[in-house]
C-alpha atoms as a PDB file:
ATOM      1  CA  MET A   1       0.146  -3.821  41.293  1.00  0.00           C
ATOM      2  CA  LYS A   2       0.987  -5.596  38.180  1.00  0.00           C
ATOM      3  CA  LEU A   3       4.277  -7.373  38.158  1.00  0.00           C
ATOM      4  CA  VAL A   4       6.354  -8.644  34.905  1.00  0.00           C
ATOM      5  CA  ARG A   5       9.558 -10.079  33.696  1.00  0.00           C
ATOM      6  CA  HIS A   6      11.027  -8.474  30.766  1.00  0.00           C
ATOM      7  CA  GLY A   7      13.913  -9.351  28.349  1.00  0.00           C
ATOM      8  CA  PRO A   8      15.536 -12.018  26.279  1.00  0.00           C
ATOM      9  CA  VAL A   9      14.522 -15.901  26.947  1.00  0.00           C
ATOM     10  CA  GLY A  10      16.443 -17.026  30.016  1.00  0.00           C
ATOM     11  CA  ARG A  11      17.666 -13.401  30.732  1.00  0.00           C
ATOM     12  CA  GLU A  12      14.306 -11.779  32.103  1.00  0.00           C
ATOM     13  CA  ARG A  13      14.396  -8.810  34.166  1.00  0.00           C
ATOM     14  CA  PRO A  14      11.891  -7.960  36.895  1.00  0.00           C
ATOM     15  CA  GLY A  15       9.646  -4.924  36.223  1.00  0.00           C
ATOM     16  CA  MET A  16       6.378  -3.323  37.127  1.00  0.00           C
ATOM     17  CA  LEU A  17       3.525  -1.648  35.338  1.00  0.00           C
ATOM     18  CA  ASP A  18       3.530   2.393  35.866  1.00  0.00           C
ATOM     19  CA  GLY A  19       0.224   4.268  35.979  1.00  0.00           C
ATOM     20  CA  GLU A  20       0.226   4.710  32.181  1.00  0.00           C
ATOM     21  CA  GLY A  21       0.546   0.965  31.582  1.00  0.00           C
ATOM     22  CA  GLY A  22       4.465   1.203  30.904  1.00  0.00           C
ATOM     23  CA  VAL A  23       6.841  -0.965  32.128  1.00  0.00           C
ATOM     24  CA  ARG A  24       9.685   0.173  34.628  1.00  0.00           C
ATOM     25  CA  ASP A  25      12.488  -1.888  35.451  1.00  0.00           C
ATOM     26  CA  LEU A  26      12.872  -3.152  39.080  1.00  0.00           C
ATOM     27  CA  GLY A  27      16.243  -4.800  38.338  1.00  0.00           C
ATOM     28  CA  GLY A  28      17.873  -2.487  40.909  1.00  0.00           C
ATOM     29  CA  VAL A  29      15.490  -3.448  43.620  1.00  0.00           C
ATOM     30  CA  VAL A  30      14.994  -7.220  43.275  1.00  0.00           C
ATOM     31  CA  ASP A  31      16.703  -9.965  41.513  1.00  0.00           C
ATOM     32  CA  ASP A  32      13.590 -11.592  39.913  1.00  0.00           C
ATOM     33  CA  ILE A  33       9.889 -11.786  40.707  1.00  0.00           C
ATOM     34  CA  SER A  34      10.281 -15.245  42.576  1.00  0.00           C
ATOM     35  CA  GLY A  35      10.813 -16.508  45.903  1.00  0.00           C
ATOM     36  CA  THR A  36      10.221 -14.290  48.766  1.00  0.00           C
ATOM     37  CA  VAL A  37       9.640 -11.299  46.661  1.00  0.00           C
ATOM     38  CA  LEU A  38       6.080 -13.165  46.126  1.00  0.00           C
ATOM     39  CA  SER A  39       5.566 -12.934  50.124  1.00  0.00           C
ATOM     40  CA  ALA A  40       3.531 -10.369  51.919  1.00  0.00           C
ATOM     41  CA  VAL A  41       6.545  -8.531  53.067  1.00  0.00           C
ATOM     42  CA  GLY A  42       7.951  -8.822  49.656  1.00  0.00           C
ATOM     43  CA  LEU A  43       4.933  -7.346  47.809  1.00  0.00           C
ATOM     44  CA  ASP A  44       4.467  -4.743  50.327  1.00  0.00           C
ATOM     45  CA  ARG A  45       8.097  -3.536  49.970  1.00  0.00           C
ATOM     46  CA  LEU A  46       7.450  -3.350  46.143  1.00  0.00           C
ATOM     47  CA  ARG A  47       4.093  -1.336  46.570  1.00  0.00           C
ATOM     48  CA  ALA A  48       5.873   1.206  48.214  1.00  0.00           C
ATOM     49  CA  ILE A  49       7.836   2.358  45.458  1.00  0.00           C
ATOM     50  CA  ASP A  50       6.783   5.043  43.090  1.00  0.00           C
ATOM     51  CA  PRO A  51       7.257   3.355  39.849  1.00  0.00           C
ATOM     52  CA  ALA A  52       7.868   7.101  37.939  1.00  0.00           C
ATOM     53  CA  THR A  53      11.140   6.734  39.824  1.00  0.00           C
ATOM     54  CA  LEU A  54      12.292   3.467  37.985  1.00  0.00           C
ATOM     55  CA  PRO A  55      13.983   3.159  34.666  1.00  0.00           C
ATOM     56  CA  PRO A  56      11.425   2.756  31.847  1.00  0.00           C
ATOM     57  CA  VAL A  57      11.623  -0.098  29.730  1.00  0.00           C
ATOM     58  CA  PRO A  58      11.580   0.403  25.581  1.00  0.00           C
ATOM     59  CA  VAL A  59       8.136  -0.157  24.370  1.00  0.00           C
ATOM     60  CA  GLY A  60       8.280  -3.599  22.296  1.00  0.00           C
ATOM     61  CA  THR A  61      10.512  -5.325  24.766  1.00  0.00           C
ATOM     62  CA  ARG A  62       9.550  -8.903  24.922  1.00  0.00           C
ATOM     63  CA  LEU A  63       7.533  -9.751  28.068  1.00  0.00           C
ATOM     64  CA  GLY A  64       8.716 -13.428  29.401  1.00  0.00           C
ATOM     65  CA  PRO A  65       6.701 -15.439  32.098  1.00  0.00           C
ATOM     66  CA  CYS A  66       5.336 -13.439  34.701  1.00  0.00           C
ATOM     67  CA  VAL A  67       6.661 -15.393  37.412  1.00  0.00           C
ATOM     68  CA  GLY A  68      10.360 -16.510  37.625  1.00  0.00           C
ATOM     69  CA  GLY A  69      11.716 -19.663  39.243  1.00  0.00           C
ATOM     70  CA  VAL A  70       8.353 -21.766  38.934  1.00  0.00           C
ATOM     71  CA  GLY A  71       9.024 -24.909  40.502  1.00  0.00           C
ATOM     72  CA  LYS A  72       5.780 -26.475  39.365  1.00  0.00           C
ATOM     73  CA  VAL A  73       2.623 -26.014  37.482  1.00  0.00           C
ATOM     74  CA  VAL A  74      -0.530 -27.709  38.870  1.00  0.00           C
ATOM     75  CA  CYS A  75      -3.458 -28.171  36.470  1.00  0.00           C
ATOM     76  CA  VAL A  76      -7.071 -28.785  37.247  1.00  0.00           C
ATOM     77  CA  GLY A  77      -8.922 -30.567  34.504  1.00  0.00           C
ATOM     78  CA  LEU A  78     -12.736 -30.669  33.836  1.00  0.00           C
ATOM     79  CA  ASN A  79     -13.251 -27.762  36.449  1.00  0.00           C
ATOM     80  CA  TYR A  80     -15.893 -26.242  34.415  1.00  0.00           C
ATOM     81  CA  ALA A  81     -19.079 -28.231  34.130  1.00  0.00           C
ATOM     82  CA  ASP A  82     -19.964 -26.985  30.599  1.00  0.00           C
ATOM     83  CA  HIS A  83     -16.438 -27.608  29.469  1.00  0.00           C
ATOM     84  CA  ALA A  84     -16.883 -31.494  30.914  1.00  0.00           C
ATOM     85  CA  ALA A  85     -20.001 -31.757  29.181  1.00  0.00           C
ATOM     86  CA  GLU A  86     -18.209 -30.749  25.541  1.00  0.00           C
ATOM     87  CA  ALA A  87     -15.481 -33.111  26.394  1.00  0.00           C
ATOM     88  CA  GLY A  88     -18.243 -36.138  26.908  1.00  0.00           C
ATOM     89  CA  MET A  89     -16.926 -36.679  30.834  1.00  0.00           C
ATOM     90  CA  ASP A  90     -18.812 -36.215  34.087  1.00  0.00           C
ATOM     91  CA  VAL A  91     -18.041 -33.561  36.322  1.00  0.00           C
ATOM     92  CA  PRO A  92     -15.426 -34.985  38.723  1.00  0.00           C
ATOM     93  CA  ALA A  93     -16.713 -35.459  42.505  1.00  0.00           C
ATOM     94  CA  GLU A  94     -12.788 -34.176  43.129  1.00  0.00           C
ATOM     95  CA  PRO A  95     -10.586 -31.773  41.480  1.00  0.00           C
ATOM     96  CA  VAL A  96      -8.696 -33.650  38.651  1.00  0.00           C
ATOM     97  CA  LEU A  97      -5.129 -32.840  38.980  1.00  0.00           C
ATOM     98  CA  PHE A  98      -2.132 -33.467  36.598  1.00  0.00           C
ATOM     99  CA  MET A  99       1.272 -31.629  36.345  1.00  0.00           C
ATOM    100  CA  LYS A 100       2.620 -29.734  33.246  1.00  0.00           C
ATOM    101  CA  ALA A 101       6.497 -29.560  32.831  1.00  0.00           C
ATOM    102  CA  ILE A 102       8.056 -26.480  33.913  1.00  0.00           C
ATOM    103  CA  THR A 103      10.095 -26.572  30.648  1.00  0.00           C
ATOM    104  CA  ALA A 104       6.405 -25.684  28.916  1.00  0.00           C
ATOM    105  CA  VAL A 105       6.604 -22.250  30.556  1.00  0.00           C
ATOM    106  CA  CYS A 106       7.051 -19.484  28.157  1.00  0.00           C
ATOM    107  CA  GLY A 107       6.037 -15.862  27.788  1.00  0.00           C
ATOM    108  CA  PRO A 108       2.444 -14.429  26.957  1.00  0.00           C
ATOM    109  CA  ASP A 109       3.482 -13.549  23.214  1.00  0.00           C
ATOM    110  CA  ASP A 110       6.117 -16.178  22.673  1.00  0.00           C
ATOM    111  CA  ASP A 111       5.387 -18.366  19.621  1.00  0.00           C
ATOM    112  CA  LEU A 112       3.156 -21.578  20.281  1.00  0.00           C
ATOM    113  CA  LEU A 113       5.214 -24.353  18.823  1.00  0.00           C
ATOM    114  CA  ILE A 114       3.189 -26.842  16.983  1.00  0.00           C
ATOM    115  CA  PRO A 115       4.849 -30.412  17.520  1.00  0.00           C
ATOM    116  CA  PRO A 116       6.235 -32.130  14.353  1.00  0.00           C
ATOM    117  CA  GLY A 117       3.497 -34.534  13.131  1.00  0.00           C
ATOM    118  CA  SER A 118       0.886 -33.079  15.718  1.00  0.00           C
ATOM    119  CA  GLN A 119      -2.693 -32.865  14.328  1.00  0.00           C
ATOM    120  CA  LYS A 120      -4.508 -32.145  17.470  1.00  0.00           C
ATOM    121  CA  THR A 121      -2.678 -29.125  19.375  1.00  0.00           C
ATOM    122  CA  ASP A 122      -5.584 -27.102  21.169  1.00  0.00           C
ATOM    123  CA  TRP A 123      -6.020 -23.813  23.314  1.00  0.00           C
ATOM    124  CA  GLU A 124      -7.128 -23.394  26.524  1.00  0.00           C
ATOM    125  CA  VAL A 125      -7.586 -20.195  28.331  1.00  0.00           C
ATOM    126  CA  GLU A 126      -7.222 -20.471  32.177  1.00  0.00           C
ATOM    127  CA  LEU A 127      -7.166 -18.644  35.316  1.00  0.00           C
ATOM    128  CA  GLY A 128      -3.451 -19.081  37.100  1.00  0.00           C
ATOM    129  CA  ILE A 129      -3.060 -18.940  40.735  1.00  0.00           C
ATOM    130  CA  VAL A 130       0.469 -17.686  41.636  1.00  0.00           C
ATOM    131  CA  ILE A 131       1.510 -18.928  45.137  1.00  0.00           C
ATOM    132  CA  GLY A 132       3.249 -16.412  47.337  1.00  0.00           C
ATOM    133  CA  ALA A 133       3.624 -18.221  50.769  1.00  0.00           C
ATOM    134  CA  THR A 134       4.165 -22.127  51.322  1.00  0.00           C
ATOM    135  CA  ALA A 135       0.924 -23.990  51.761  1.00  0.00           C
ATOM    136  CA  LYS A 136       0.604 -27.264  53.167  1.00  0.00           C
ATOM    137  CA  HIS A 137      -2.734 -28.650  54.683  1.00  0.00           C
ATOM    138  CA  VAL A 138      -4.055 -25.229  54.467  1.00  0.00           C
ATOM    139  CA  ALA A 139      -7.668 -24.711  55.435  1.00  0.00           C
ATOM    140  CA  ARG A 140     -10.134 -23.030  52.866  1.00  0.00           C
ATOM    141  CA  ALA A 141     -10.720 -20.021  55.057  1.00  0.00           C
ATOM    142  CA  ASP A 142      -6.781 -19.563  55.150  1.00  0.00           C
ATOM    143  CA  ALA A 143      -6.122 -20.223  51.552  1.00  0.00           C
ATOM    144  CA  LEU A 144      -5.796 -16.531  50.155  1.00  0.00           C
ATOM    145  CA  ARG A 145      -3.224 -15.775  52.286  1.00  0.00           C
ATOM    146  CA  HIS A 146      -1.158 -18.236  50.500  1.00  0.00           C
ATOM    147  CA  VAL A 147      -1.832 -16.558  46.973  1.00  0.00           C
ATOM    148  CA  ALA A 148       0.732 -13.562  45.699  1.00  0.00           C
ATOM    149  CA  GLY A 149      -1.819 -13.028  42.827  1.00  0.00           C
ATOM    150  CA  PHE A 150      -3.069 -14.101  39.613  1.00  0.00           C
ATOM    151  CA  CYS A 151      -2.215 -14.695  36.065  1.00  0.00           C
ATOM    152  CA  VAL A 152      -3.451 -15.648  32.498  1.00  0.00           C
ATOM    153  CA  VAL A 153      -2.500 -19.282  31.629  1.00  0.00           C
ATOM    154  CA  ASN A 154      -2.835 -20.992  28.279  1.00  0.00           C
ATOM    155  CA  ASP A 155      -2.614 -24.516  29.192  1.00  0.00           C
ATOM    156  CA  VAL A 156      -2.147 -25.713  25.611  1.00  0.00           C
ATOM    157  CA  SER A 157      -2.806 -29.387  25.122  1.00  0.00           C
ATOM    158  CA  GLU A 158      -1.872 -31.827  22.135  1.00  0.00           C
ATOM    159  CA  ARG A 159      -5.190 -33.988  22.320  1.00  0.00           C
ATOM    160  CA  ALA A 160      -3.834 -37.163  20.578  1.00  0.00           C
ATOM    161  CA  TYR A 161      -0.744 -37.343  22.994  1.00  0.00           C
ATOM    162  CA  GLN A 162      -3.199 -36.313  26.158  1.00  0.00           C
ATOM    163  CA  SER A 163      -5.858 -39.133  25.491  1.00  0.00           C
ATOM    164  CA  GLU A 164      -5.095 -41.561  22.496  1.00  0.00           C
ATOM    165  CA  SER A 165      -2.180 -43.488  23.727  1.00  0.00           C
ATOM    166  CA  THR A 166      -1.151 -45.122  27.125  1.00  0.00           C
ATOM    167  CA  GLY A 167       0.107 -42.905  30.296  1.00  0.00           C
ATOM    168  CA  GLN A 168      -1.083 -39.918  31.863  1.00  0.00           C
ATOM    169  CA  TRP A 169      -2.322 -36.691  30.618  1.00  0.00           C
ATOM    170  CA  VAL A 170       1.240 -34.878  31.132  1.00  0.00           C
ATOM    171  CA  LYS A 171       2.288 -36.081  28.010  1.00  0.00           C
ATOM    172  CA  GLY A 172       0.006 -33.778  25.947  1.00  0.00           C
ATOM    173  CA  LYS A 173       0.571 -30.747  28.103  1.00  0.00           C
ATOM    174  CA  SER A 174       4.245 -30.407  28.592  1.00  0.00           C
ATOM    175  CA  TYR A 175       5.859 -29.572  24.792  1.00  0.00           C
ATOM    176  CA  ASP A 176       7.772 -26.592  24.614  1.00  0.00           C
ATOM    177  CA  SER A 177       5.763 -23.263  24.775  1.00  0.00           C
ATOM    178  CA  PHE A 178       2.666 -25.261  26.047  1.00  0.00           C
ATOM    179  CA  GLY A 179       2.479 -23.160  29.254  1.00  0.00           C
ATOM    180  CA  SER A 180       2.236 -19.283  28.587  1.00  0.00           C
ATOM    181  CA  LEU A 181       2.242 -17.125  31.789  1.00  0.00           C
ATOM    182  CA  GLY A 182       1.197 -13.540  31.855  1.00  0.00           C
ATOM    183  CA  PRO A 183       1.493 -10.941  30.711  1.00  0.00           C
ATOM    184  CA  TRP A 184       1.453  -9.608  34.144  1.00  0.00           C
ATOM    185  CA  LEU A 185       1.339 -11.154  37.594  1.00  0.00           C
ATOM    186  CA  VAL A 186      -1.738  -9.035  39.291  1.00  0.00           C
ATOM    187  CA  THR A 187      -1.430  -9.095  43.212  1.00  0.00           C
ATOM    188  CA  ARG A 188      -4.556 -10.516  44.879  1.00  0.00           C
ATOM    189  CA  ASP A 189      -5.753  -6.847  46.271  1.00  0.00           C
ATOM    190  CA  GLU A 190      -6.384  -5.846  42.699  1.00  0.00           C
ATOM    191  CA  VAL A 191      -8.601  -8.757  41.969  1.00  0.00           C
ATOM    192  CA  ALA A 192     -11.766  -7.822  43.994  1.00  0.00           C
ATOM    193  CA  ASP A 193     -13.301 -11.480  43.303  1.00  0.00           C
ATOM    194  CA  PRO A 194     -11.472 -14.020  41.293  1.00  0.00           C
ATOM    195  CA  GLN A 195     -14.885 -15.946  41.029  1.00  0.00           C
ATOM    196  CA  ALA A 196     -16.231 -13.195  38.656  1.00  0.00           C
ATOM    197  CA  LEU A 197     -13.646 -13.025  35.692  1.00  0.00           C
ATOM    198  CA  ALA A 198     -14.667 -13.032  32.153  1.00  0.00           C
ATOM    199  CA  LEU A 199     -12.158 -15.064  30.270  1.00  0.00           C
ATOM    200  CA  TRP A 200     -12.228 -15.677  26.047  1.00  0.00           C
ATOM    201  CA  THR A 201      -9.999 -16.970  23.348  1.00  0.00           C
ATOM    202  CA  GLU A 202      -9.865 -16.202  19.891  1.00  0.00           C
ATOM    203  CA  VAL A 203      -8.440 -17.958  17.032  1.00  0.00           C
ATOM    204  CA  ASN A 204      -7.910 -16.143  13.544  1.00  0.00           C
ATOM    205  CA  GLY A 205     -10.348 -13.530  14.720  1.00  0.00           C
ATOM    206  CA  HIS A 206     -13.083 -16.257  15.667  1.00  0.00           C
ATOM    207  CA  ARG A 207     -14.146 -16.292  19.350  1.00  0.00           C
ATOM    208  CA  PHE A 208     -14.158 -19.878  20.559  1.00  0.00           C
ATOM    209  CA  GLN A 209     -14.390 -19.465  24.483  1.00  0.00           C
ATOM    210  CA  ASN A 210     -16.494 -17.009  26.208  1.00  0.00           C
ATOM    211  CA  GLY A 211     -16.785 -18.134  29.749  1.00  0.00           C
ATOM    212  CA  SER A 212     -16.514 -16.819  33.339  1.00  0.00           C
ATOM    213  CA  THR A 213     -14.930 -17.945  36.432  1.00  0.00           C
ATOM    214  CA  ARG A 214     -18.158 -18.332  38.343  1.00  0.00           C
ATOM    215  CA  THR A 215     -19.031 -21.268  36.527  1.00  0.00           C
ATOM    216  CA  MET A 216     -15.836 -23.072  37.808  1.00  0.00           C
ATOM    217  CA  VAL A 217     -16.765 -26.368  39.779  1.00  0.00           C
ATOM    218  CA  PHE A 218     -14.096 -25.813  42.244  1.00  0.00           C
ATOM    219  CA  GLY A 219     -13.254 -22.282  43.116  1.00  0.00           C
ATOM    220  CA  VAL A 220      -9.736 -20.572  44.129  1.00  0.00           C
ATOM    221  CA  LEU A 221     -10.313 -21.193  47.986  1.00  0.00           C
ATOM    222  CA  ASP A 222     -11.111 -24.820  47.369  1.00  0.00           C
ATOM    223  CA  LEU A 223      -8.192 -25.672  44.967  1.00  0.00           C
ATOM    224  CA  VAL A 224      -5.365 -24.296  46.877  1.00  0.00           C
ATOM    225  CA  SER A 225      -6.979 -26.085  50.139  1.00  0.00           C
ATOM    226  CA  TYR A 226      -7.172 -29.395  48.275  1.00  0.00           C
ATOM    227  CA  ILE A 227      -3.888 -29.232  46.399  1.00  0.00           C
ATOM    228  CA  SER A 228      -1.798 -28.466  49.651  1.00  0.00           C
ATOM    229  CA  ARG A 229      -3.359 -31.736  51.124  1.00  0.00           C
ATOM    230  CA  PHE A 230      -1.458 -33.591  48.448  1.00  0.00           C
ATOM    231  CA  MET A 231       1.789 -31.690  47.985  1.00  0.00           C
ATOM    232  CA  ARG A 232       3.241 -28.428  49.245  1.00  0.00           C
ATOM    233  CA  LEU A 233       2.692 -25.742  47.340  1.00  0.00           C
ATOM    234  CA  GLU A 234       5.993 -23.114  47.244  1.00  0.00           C
ATOM    235  CA  PRO A 235       6.166 -19.453  46.221  1.00  0.00           C
ATOM    236  CA  GLY A 236       6.318 -19.264  42.567  1.00  0.00           C
ATOM    237  CA  ASP A 237       4.347 -22.335  41.968  1.00  0.00           C
ATOM    238  CA  VAL A 238       1.409 -21.753  39.625  1.00  0.00           C
ATOM    239  CA  ILE A 239      -2.012 -23.470  39.678  1.00  0.00           C
ATOM    240  CA  ALA A 240      -4.119 -23.472  36.444  1.00  0.00           C
ATOM    241  CA  THR A 241      -7.453 -23.548  37.313  1.00  0.00           C
ATOM    242  CA  GLY A 242      -9.099 -25.028  34.131  1.00  0.00           C
ATOM    243  CA  THR A 243     -10.757 -24.165  30.926  1.00  0.00           C
ATOM    244  CA  PRO A 244     -14.578 -22.808  30.018  1.00  0.00           C
ATOM    245  CA  PRO A 245     -16.159 -24.483  27.050  1.00  0.00           C
ATOM    246  CA  GLY A 246     -14.910 -23.562  23.334  1.00  0.00           C
ATOM    247  CA  VAL A 247     -11.887 -25.646  22.919  1.00  0.00           C
ATOM    248  CA  GLY A 248     -11.120 -27.199  19.643  1.00  0.00           C
ATOM    249  CA  LEU A 249     -11.690 -30.625  20.582  1.00  0.00           C
ATOM    250  CA  GLY A 250     -15.589 -29.602  21.616  1.00  0.00           C
ATOM    251  CA  GLN A 251     -16.369 -27.929  18.207  1.00  0.00           C
ATOM    252  CA  ARG A 252     -18.256 -29.595  15.538  1.00  0.00           C
ATOM    253  CA  PRO A 253     -16.088 -30.613  13.689  1.00  0.00           C
ATOM    254  CA  GLN A 254     -13.381 -30.396  15.680  1.00  0.00           C
ATOM    255  CA  VAL A 255     -10.850 -27.425  14.840  1.00  0.00           C
ATOM    256  CA  PHE A 256      -7.207 -27.673  16.127  1.00  0.00           C
ATOM    257  CA  LEU A 257      -4.379 -25.398  15.870  1.00  0.00           C
ATOM    258  CA  LYS A 258      -1.911 -25.269  12.664  1.00  0.00           C
ATOM    259  CA  PRO A 259       1.282 -23.144  11.911  1.00  0.00           C
ATOM    260  CA  GLY A 260       0.270 -19.538  10.829  1.00  0.00           C
ATOM    261  CA  ASP A 261      -2.731 -19.563  13.202  1.00  0.00           C
ATOM    262  CA  GLU A 262      -3.134 -16.683  15.803  1.00  0.00           C
ATOM    263  CA  VAL A 263      -4.336 -16.981  19.261  1.00  0.00           C
ATOM    264  CA  VAL A 264      -5.331 -14.070  21.300  1.00  0.00           C
ATOM    265  CA  MET A 265      -6.714 -14.796  25.023  1.00  0.00           C
ATOM    266  CA  GLU A 266      -7.440 -12.608  27.836  1.00  0.00           C
ATOM    267  CA  VAL A 267      -8.711 -12.757  31.499  1.00  0.00           C
ATOM    268  CA  ALA A 268     -10.514  -9.595  32.638  1.00  0.00           C
ATOM    269  CA  GLY A 269      -8.085  -7.273  34.626  1.00  0.00           C
ATOM    270  CA  LEU A 270      -5.197  -9.788  34.151  1.00  0.00           C
ATOM    271  CA  GLY A 271      -3.934  -8.766  30.503  1.00  0.00           C
ATOM    272  CA  ARG A 272      -4.227 -10.396  26.917  1.00  0.00           C
ATOM    273  CA  GLN A 273      -1.818 -13.110  25.316  1.00  0.00           C
ATOM    274  CA  HIS A 274      -0.974 -12.886  21.547  1.00  0.00           C
ATOM    275  CA  ARG A 275       0.465 -15.946  20.140  1.00  0.00           C
ATOM    276  CA  ARG A 276       1.580 -16.736  16.851  1.00  0.00           C
ATOM    277  CA  CYS A 277       1.451 -20.799  15.775  1.00  0.00           C
ATOM    278  CA  VAL A 278       4.739 -21.907  13.976  1.00  0.00           C
ATOM    279  CA  ALA A 279       5.687 -25.292  13.278  1.00  0.00           C
ATOM    280  CA  ASP A 280       8.939 -26.922  15.557  1.00  0.00           C
ATOM    281  CA  THR A 281      11.424 -29.109  14.069  1.00  0.00           C
END
């Protein structure tokens, strides 16, 4: 099942895809794709619905972030050995965790805002884990029971903000539009193996990232279990699991985003994002 949120910014409505890939409106069934809707019971209720009985949403309607009511976005750094190498850093012995402000969350095709004066805004395609049930001190073997599904995440990073001044990485990760989610929340039953998904990024038609989740240092089960030791994960929380090599920082010479650039990224089976870079003021 593929769930979406459609409509204007701040007024998104819940929806699901039908068999032809069209969006159907769930507004008369649930309030949002959030909270208890993401539970096993909530998702089973939606699975029982024939999408053909739901009102169609006009083609071209904006898609918002595929999860509503996001409480926190937990990100994992240096989680691909080859990405750590291109960043000139050691593979971590434990997951490197940092947070992204929820004000960065946006839709999959929304404009990517380049901060005023920024010279080092970078792309990062990532597999996103959407939490469906409260997780606290979860065993690895039980981790998937707490996962509603998966989505594409663009963990946009301003590298100068992130690493060239004092403070933590969160500064370089949290500008408005730096956390696009979607287009779809794909329920976990439709993802046979989250550790066997191809993912890629193209900028202006050139493919920079071309990786697979099989090369993650810490997999989905490890991350859910590990993170739940340090903070309670709630339905609607998102874990961004790290990016493969090919980011702008790792190019020689380095390449960063500028107004007018077009960014396209995809995780196999989870959909594709198309974003235009614009200067923020």
